[in-house]
Amino acid sequence: MPASFSLRLLRISGPAGRRVLLLLLAFHLLLLTPALAQLSPSGLVPFRRGSLWGYADQQRRLVLPLGYDDAGPFIDDIAWVRRRANFGYISPDGNPLTPLHFTRAENFFQGRATVELNGETYQIDRTGNRLSMAPDSTPETDFMEQGDLVRRNGKVGFRFTVGHAVVPAEYDEIRDSYNGLLFVRRGANWGVINQKGKLVLPLEYDAIRATPANGYAFPIVEQAGRFGYLDADGKLLVKPRYREAQPFVAGTARVLTEDGQAGYINTRGREFFEE
């Protein structure tokens, strides 16, 4: 903002001046809103050191101490933790939201989580109260969202609805990722094509999987029995090196290392564990 303009604002007094200042503050907050919306409520990531778990910030600085035998991600400011064989839920300040008495506890989704206690499986709300009804399931779709399949001589191609890109009919299978990408297979090998019809991930992978729970973001790729992740452009975010890989939830994904230890990574592929 030019200095002369700033000085003129400072000379405004009375109700008119206050209205101008309020409008400027509102505009400034509006500019900040997109950036703030990208941040998770707590920003904490489950962090493992050796066999103990706590929670760290995005710079891997320990915020909640290493006091658990396992831990899950914070979703809507609630995460499951385990001590010995017992699970429970905590808030981002480390306070318990439920007792650690469940024999199984899953991540929260749409305000509820599945738990097991005394051999019985049921769902609870954010306060730990038992719920009697399951949420309505989302109907599955089997149509191609971004365009139409083109079949020729036993092979398939693709014609995008938006734009003029056409994928030649030279693949054995094409799957719509619902996130601006196509997963394509030739023989036993999978790759990725973007909306411009360009092959952005070579046909070198045994499988590619995306799930609706995380909006089809960060697909999991498999190669020679090891797993990694793709970024939003369909390129490798993390090379296949984990024994197991779970979908991203609230900006984190749970993986299993080569030696069988669990840990979490963030959306930049940074690891939050130390052996």
Protein backbone atom coordinates (compact mmCIF):
# COMPACT_ATOMS: atom_id res chain seq x y z
CA MET A 1 0.00 0.00 0.00
CA PRO A 2 1.49 3.48 -0.89
CA ALA A 3 2.64 5.53 2.09
CA SER A 4 0.57 8.58 1.04
CA PHE A 5 -2.58 6.44 1.01
CA SER A 6 -1.78 5.11 4.50
CA LEU A 7 -1.32 8.66 5.84
CA ARG A 8 -4.64 9.77 4.40
CA LEU A 9 -6.36 6.87 6.16
CA LEU A 10 -4.77 7.81 9.47
CA ARG A 11 -6.16 11.35 9.18
CA ILE A 12 -9.73 10.04 8.86
CA SER A 13 -11.52 10.33 12.20
CA GLY A 14 -14.98 9.66 13.54
CA PRO A 15 -17.46 7.02 12.31
CA ALA A 16 -16.31 7.27 8.68
CA GLY A 17 -12.75 6.50 9.63
CA ARG A 18 -13.76 3.54 11.77
CA ARG A 19 -15.84 2.13 8.91
CA VAL A 20 -12.86 2.38 6.54
CA LEU A 21 -10.58 0.62 9.01
CA LEU A 22 -13.13 -2.16 9.58
CA LEU A 23 -13.48 -2.69 5.83
CA LEU A 24 -9.69 -2.93 5.45
CA LEU A 25 -9.47 -5.45 8.29
CA ALA A 26 -12.26 -7.55 6.79
CA PHE A 27 -10.55 -7.52 3.38
CA HIS A 28 -7.26 -8.57 4.98
CA LEU A 29 -8.93 -11.48 6.77
CA LEU A 30 -10.64 -12.51 3.54
CA LEU A 31 -7.25 -12.76 1.83
CA LEU A 32 -5.96 -14.94 4.65
CA THR A 33 -8.95 -17.31 4.65
CA PRO A 34 -7.76 -19.72 1.88
CA ALA A 35 -4.39 -20.19 3.57
CA LEU A 36 -5.96 -20.78 6.97
CA ALA A 37 -8.44 -23.26 5.52
CA GLN A 38 -5.61 -25.46 4.33
CA LEU A 39 -4.34 -26.00 7.88
CA SER A 40 -5.64 -28.94 9.91
CA PRO A 41 -7.29 -28.01 13.23
CA SER A 42 -4.40 -29.29 15.36
CA GLY A 43 -1.57 -29.77 12.86
CA LEU A 44 -0.20 -32.62 15.00
CA VAL A 45 1.14 -35.85 13.49
CA PRO A 46 1.60 -39.18 15.31
CA PHE A 47 5.34 -39.51 15.96
CA ARG A 48 7.17 -42.72 16.83
CA ARG A 49 10.61 -42.97 18.42
CA GLY A 50 11.63 -46.56 18.87
CA SER A 51 8.57 -48.34 20.27
CA LEU A 52 6.93 -45.31 21.90
CA TRP A 53 4.47 -42.86 20.36
CA GLY A 54 3.63 -39.20 20.92
CA TYR A 55 2.65 -36.31 18.67
CA ALA A 56 4.82 -33.79 16.83
CA ASP A 57 4.20 -30.60 14.89
CA GLN A 58 4.96 -30.29 11.18
CA GLN A 59 8.62 -29.56 12.01
CA ARG A 60 8.86 -32.90 13.87
CA ARG A 61 9.13 -31.15 17.24
CA LEU A 62 7.55 -33.26 19.98
CA VAL A 63 4.39 -31.63 21.38
CA LEU A 64 2.70 -34.51 23.24
CA PRO A 65 5.18 -36.79 25.04
CA LEU A 66 6.10 -40.34 24.06
CA GLY A 67 3.63 -42.16 26.27
CA TYR A 68 1.71 -44.55 24.02
CA ASP A 69 2.28 -47.91 22.37
CA ASP A 70 0.45 -46.79 19.20
CA ALA A 71 -1.43 -43.71 17.98
CA GLY A 72 -3.73 -42.51 15.21
CA PRO A 73 -4.14 -39.19 13.37
CA PHE A 74 -6.15 -36.26 14.69
CA ILE A 75 -9.43 -35.98 12.76
CA ASP A 76 -11.65 -33.11 13.85
CA ASP A 77 -9.41 -32.75 16.90
CA ILE A 78 -9.80 -36.33 18.15
CA ALA A 79 -7.36 -39.23 17.83
CA TRP A 80 -7.16 -42.82 19.05
CA VAL A 81 -4.24 -43.98 21.18
CA ARG A 82 -3.24 -47.32 22.64
CA ARG A 83 -1.48 -48.39 25.84
CA ARG A 84 -0.74 -52.12 25.92
CA ALA A 85 -3.94 -53.74 24.61
CA ASN A 86 -6.33 -50.90 25.45
CA PHE A 87 -7.50 -48.09 23.14
CA GLY A 88 -9.08 -44.74 23.83
CA TYR A 89 -9.38 -41.23 22.37
CA ILE A 90 -7.61 -37.97 23.23
CA SER A 91 -7.83 -34.28 22.29
CA PRO A 92 -4.91 -32.24 20.82
CA ASP A 93 -3.89 -31.07 24.30
CA GLY A 94 -3.43 -34.70 25.37
CA ASN A 95 -6.50 -34.88 27.59
CA PRO A 96 -8.54 -38.12 27.43
CA LEU A 97 -11.94 -37.94 25.73
CA THR A 98 -12.75 -41.56 26.57
CA PRO A 99 -11.19 -44.11 28.91
CA LEU A 100 -8.51 -46.40 27.47
CA HIS A 101 -10.67 -49.50 27.67
CA PHE A 102 -11.59 -50.43 24.08
CA THR A 103 -10.09 -53.54 22.50
CA ARG A 104 -10.29 -51.86 19.07
CA ALA A 105 -10.69 -48.24 17.96
CA GLU A 106 -10.81 -46.74 14.46
CA ASN A 107 -10.44 -43.24 13.07
CA PHE A 108 -13.39 -40.88 13.28
CA PHE A 109 -15.33 -40.32 10.06
CA GLN A 110 -18.33 -38.01 9.75
CA GLY A 111 -18.45 -37.55 13.50
CA ARG A 112 -18.41 -41.23 14.50
CA ALA A 113 -15.94 -44.06 15.05
CA THR A 114 -16.19 -47.83 15.31
CA VAL A 115 -14.95 -49.41 18.54
CA GLU A 116 -14.99 -52.81 20.20
CA LEU A 117 -15.56 -53.44 23.90
CA ASN A 118 -16.24 -56.71 25.71
CA GLY A 119 -16.55 -58.53 22.41
CA GLU A 120 -19.19 -56.12 21.05
CA THR A 121 -18.62 -53.81 18.07
CA TYR A 122 -20.50 -50.51 17.83
CA GLN A 123 -20.06 -46.83 16.99
CA ILE A 124 -19.53 -43.84 19.28
CA ASP A 125 -19.81 -40.07 18.86
CA ARG A 126 -17.14 -37.48 19.72
CA THR A 127 -18.07 -37.57 23.41
CA GLY A 128 -17.78 -41.36 23.61
CA ASN A 129 -21.52 -42.00 23.71
CA ARG A 130 -22.78 -45.09 21.93
CA LEU A 131 -24.69 -44.56 18.67
CA SER A 132 -27.55 -46.82 17.67
CA MET A 133 -27.82 -46.15 13.93
CA ALA A 134 -25.22 -46.35 11.18
CA PRO A 135 -24.85 -43.37 8.80
CA ASP A 136 -26.41 -43.50 5.36
CA SER A 137 -24.00 -45.00 2.86
CA THR A 138 -22.94 -42.99 -0.18
CA PRO A 139 -24.18 -44.60 -3.39
CA GLU A 140 -21.43 -45.89 -5.62
CA THR A 141 -21.14 -44.78 -9.23
CA ASP A 142 -19.84 -46.87 -12.06
CA PHE A 143 -19.82 -44.25 -14.82
CA MET A 144 -16.79 -42.40 -16.17
CA GLU A 145 -16.94 -38.91 -14.73
CA GLN A 146 -14.41 -37.11 -16.95
CA GLY A 147 -15.41 -38.45 -20.37
CA ASP A 148 -16.15 -41.57 -22.36
CA LEU A 149 -14.33 -44.82 -23.06
CA VAL A 150 -13.41 -45.54 -26.67
CA ARG A 151 -13.21 -49.22 -27.66
CA ARG A 152 -11.40 -50.54 -30.71
CA ASN A 153 -10.08 -54.04 -31.53
CA GLY A 154 -10.34 -55.23 -27.94
CA LYS A 155 -8.48 -52.20 -26.56
CA VAL A 156 -9.79 -49.08 -24.80
CA GLY A 157 -9.03 -45.39 -25.08
CA PHE A 158 -10.61 -42.28 -23.65
CA ARG A 159 -12.16 -39.03 -24.87
CA PHE A 160 -12.28 -36.23 -22.30
CA THR A 161 -15.52 -34.26 -22.01
CA VAL A 162 -13.67 -31.01 -21.24
CA GLY A 163 -11.02 -30.03 -23.79
CA HIS A 164 -9.91 -31.91 -26.87
CA ALA A 165 -7.60 -34.54 -25.36
CA VAL A 166 -8.05 -38.10 -26.64
CA VAL A 167 -6.26 -41.17 -25.27
CA PRO A 168 -5.60 -43.70 -28.06
CA ALA A 169 -7.33 -47.08 -27.81
CA GLU A 170 -4.20 -49.01 -26.87
CA TYR A 171 -4.82 -49.96 -23.25
CA ASP A 172 -6.39 -53.04 -21.67
CA GLU A 173 -8.10 -51.09 -18.87
CA ILE A 174 -8.78 -47.47 -17.96
CA ARG A 175 -10.09 -46.30 -14.61
CA ASP A 176 -11.35 -42.84 -13.75
CA SER A 177 -9.66 -41.53 -10.59
CA TYR A 178 -12.35 -38.82 -10.06
CA ASN A 179 -9.46 -36.42 -9.36
CA GLY A 180 -8.47 -35.27 -12.84
CA LEU A 181 -6.38 -38.35 -13.64
CA LEU A 182 -6.81 -41.66 -15.43
CA PHE A 183 -5.27 -44.93 -14.28
CA VAL A 184 -4.35 -47.00 -17.33
CA ARG A 185 -3.18 -50.61 -17.66
CA ARG A 186 -1.37 -52.34 -20.47
CA GLY A 187 -0.78 -56.01 -19.77
CA ALA A 188 0.09 -56.25 -16.07
CA ASN A 189 1.52 -52.74 -15.77
CA TRP A 190 -0.24 -49.57 -14.62
CA GLY A 191 0.48 -45.88 -15.26
CA VAL A 192 -1.25 -42.48 -15.03
CA ILE A 193 -2.55 -40.11 -17.72
CA ASN A 194 -3.50 -36.50 -16.98
CA GLN A 195 -6.37 -34.45 -18.45
CA LYS A 196 -4.19 -33.38 -21.37
CA GLY A 197 -3.86 -37.01 -22.41
CA LYS A 198 -0.19 -37.13 -21.38
CA LEU A 199 1.34 -40.16 -19.67
CA VAL A 200 2.74 -38.63 -16.47
CA LEU A 201 3.54 -41.91 -14.69
CA PRO A 202 5.13 -44.66 -16.81
CA LEU A 203 3.56 -48.12 -17.12
CA GLU A 204 5.83 -49.69 -14.50
CA TYR A 205 3.56 -50.40 -11.53
CA ASP A 206 1.66 -53.48 -10.41
CA ALA A 207 -1.36 -51.60 -9.04
CA ILE A 208 -2.71 -48.10 -8.36
CA ARG A 209 -5.45 -47.52 -5.81
CA ALA A 210 -7.40 -44.40 -4.81
CA THR A 211 -10.20 -44.30 -2.23
CA PRO A 212 -13.24 -42.00 -1.91
CA ALA A 213 -12.65 -41.52 1.83
CA ASN A 214 -9.87 -38.99 1.15
CA GLY A 215 -11.35 -37.54 -2.03
CA TYR A 216 -9.22 -39.84 -4.21
CA ALA A 217 -6.16 -37.80 -3.27
CA PHE A 218 -2.65 -39.31 -3.04
CA PRO A 219 -3.26 -42.67 -4.73
CA ILE A 220 -1.28 -45.67 -3.47
CA VAL A 221 1.03 -47.39 -5.95
CA GLU A 222 2.46 -50.91 -5.71
CA GLN A 223 5.65 -52.20 -7.27
CA ALA A 224 7.32 -55.54 -6.50
CA GLY A 225 5.38 -55.93 -3.24
CA ARG A 226 6.24 -52.46 -1.92
CA PHE A 227 3.98 -49.40 -1.67
CA GLY A 228 4.30 -45.67 -2.21
CA TYR A 229 2.14 -42.63 -3.06
CA LEU A 230 1.37 -40.33 -5.98
CA ASP A 231 0.96 -36.56 -5.79
CA ALA A 232 -1.91 -34.49 -7.19
CA ASP A 233 -0.32 -34.49 -10.65
CA GLY A 234 -0.05 -38.29 -10.79
CA LYS A 235 3.71 -38.31 -10.31
CA LEU A 236 5.57 -40.13 -7.53
CA LEU A 237 5.36 -38.44 -4.14
CA VAL A 238 6.96 -41.38 -2.33
CA LYS A 239 8.68 -44.22 -4.17
CA PRO A 240 7.33 -47.71 -3.35
CA ARG A 241 9.37 -48.70 -0.30
CA TYR A 242 6.88 -49.57 2.43
CA ARG A 243 5.53 -53.02 3.27
CA GLU A 244 2.07 -51.52 3.77
CA ALA A 245 0.51 -48.12 3.03
CA GLN A 246 -2.86 -46.77 4.11
CA PRO A 247 -4.79 -43.86 2.51
CA PHE A 248 -4.12 -40.32 3.69
CA VAL A 249 -6.46 -39.06 6.40
CA ALA A 250 -6.30 -35.50 7.76
CA GLY A 251 -2.99 -34.91 6.03
CA THR A 252 -1.23 -38.05 7.30
CA ALA A 253 -0.88 -41.65 6.14
CA ARG A 254 0.07 -44.71 8.17
CA VAL A 255 2.79 -46.94 6.70
CA LEU A 256 4.67 -50.08 7.65
CA THR A 257 8.45 -49.95 7.25
CA GLU A 258 10.69 -52.68 5.88
CA ASP A 259 11.33 -54.03 9.39
CA GLY A 260 7.60 -54.13 10.23
CA GLN A 261 7.39 -50.93 12.31
CA ALA A 262 4.41 -48.61 11.92
CA GLY A 263 4.79 -44.88 11.33
CA TYR A 264 3.21 -41.85 9.67
CA ILE A 265 4.17 -39.57 6.78
CA ASN A 266 2.73 -36.19 5.81
CA THR A 267 1.56 -34.94 2.41
CA ARG A 268 5.13 -33.98 1.51
CA GLY A 269 6.31 -37.52 2.07
CA ARG A 270 8.20 -36.60 5.26
CA GLU A 271 8.50 -39.40 7.81
CA PHE A 272 7.45 -38.86 11.43
CA PHE A 273 9.31 -41.72 13.07
CA GLU A 274 12.80 -42.54 14.28
CA GLU A 275 14.18 -45.99 14.93
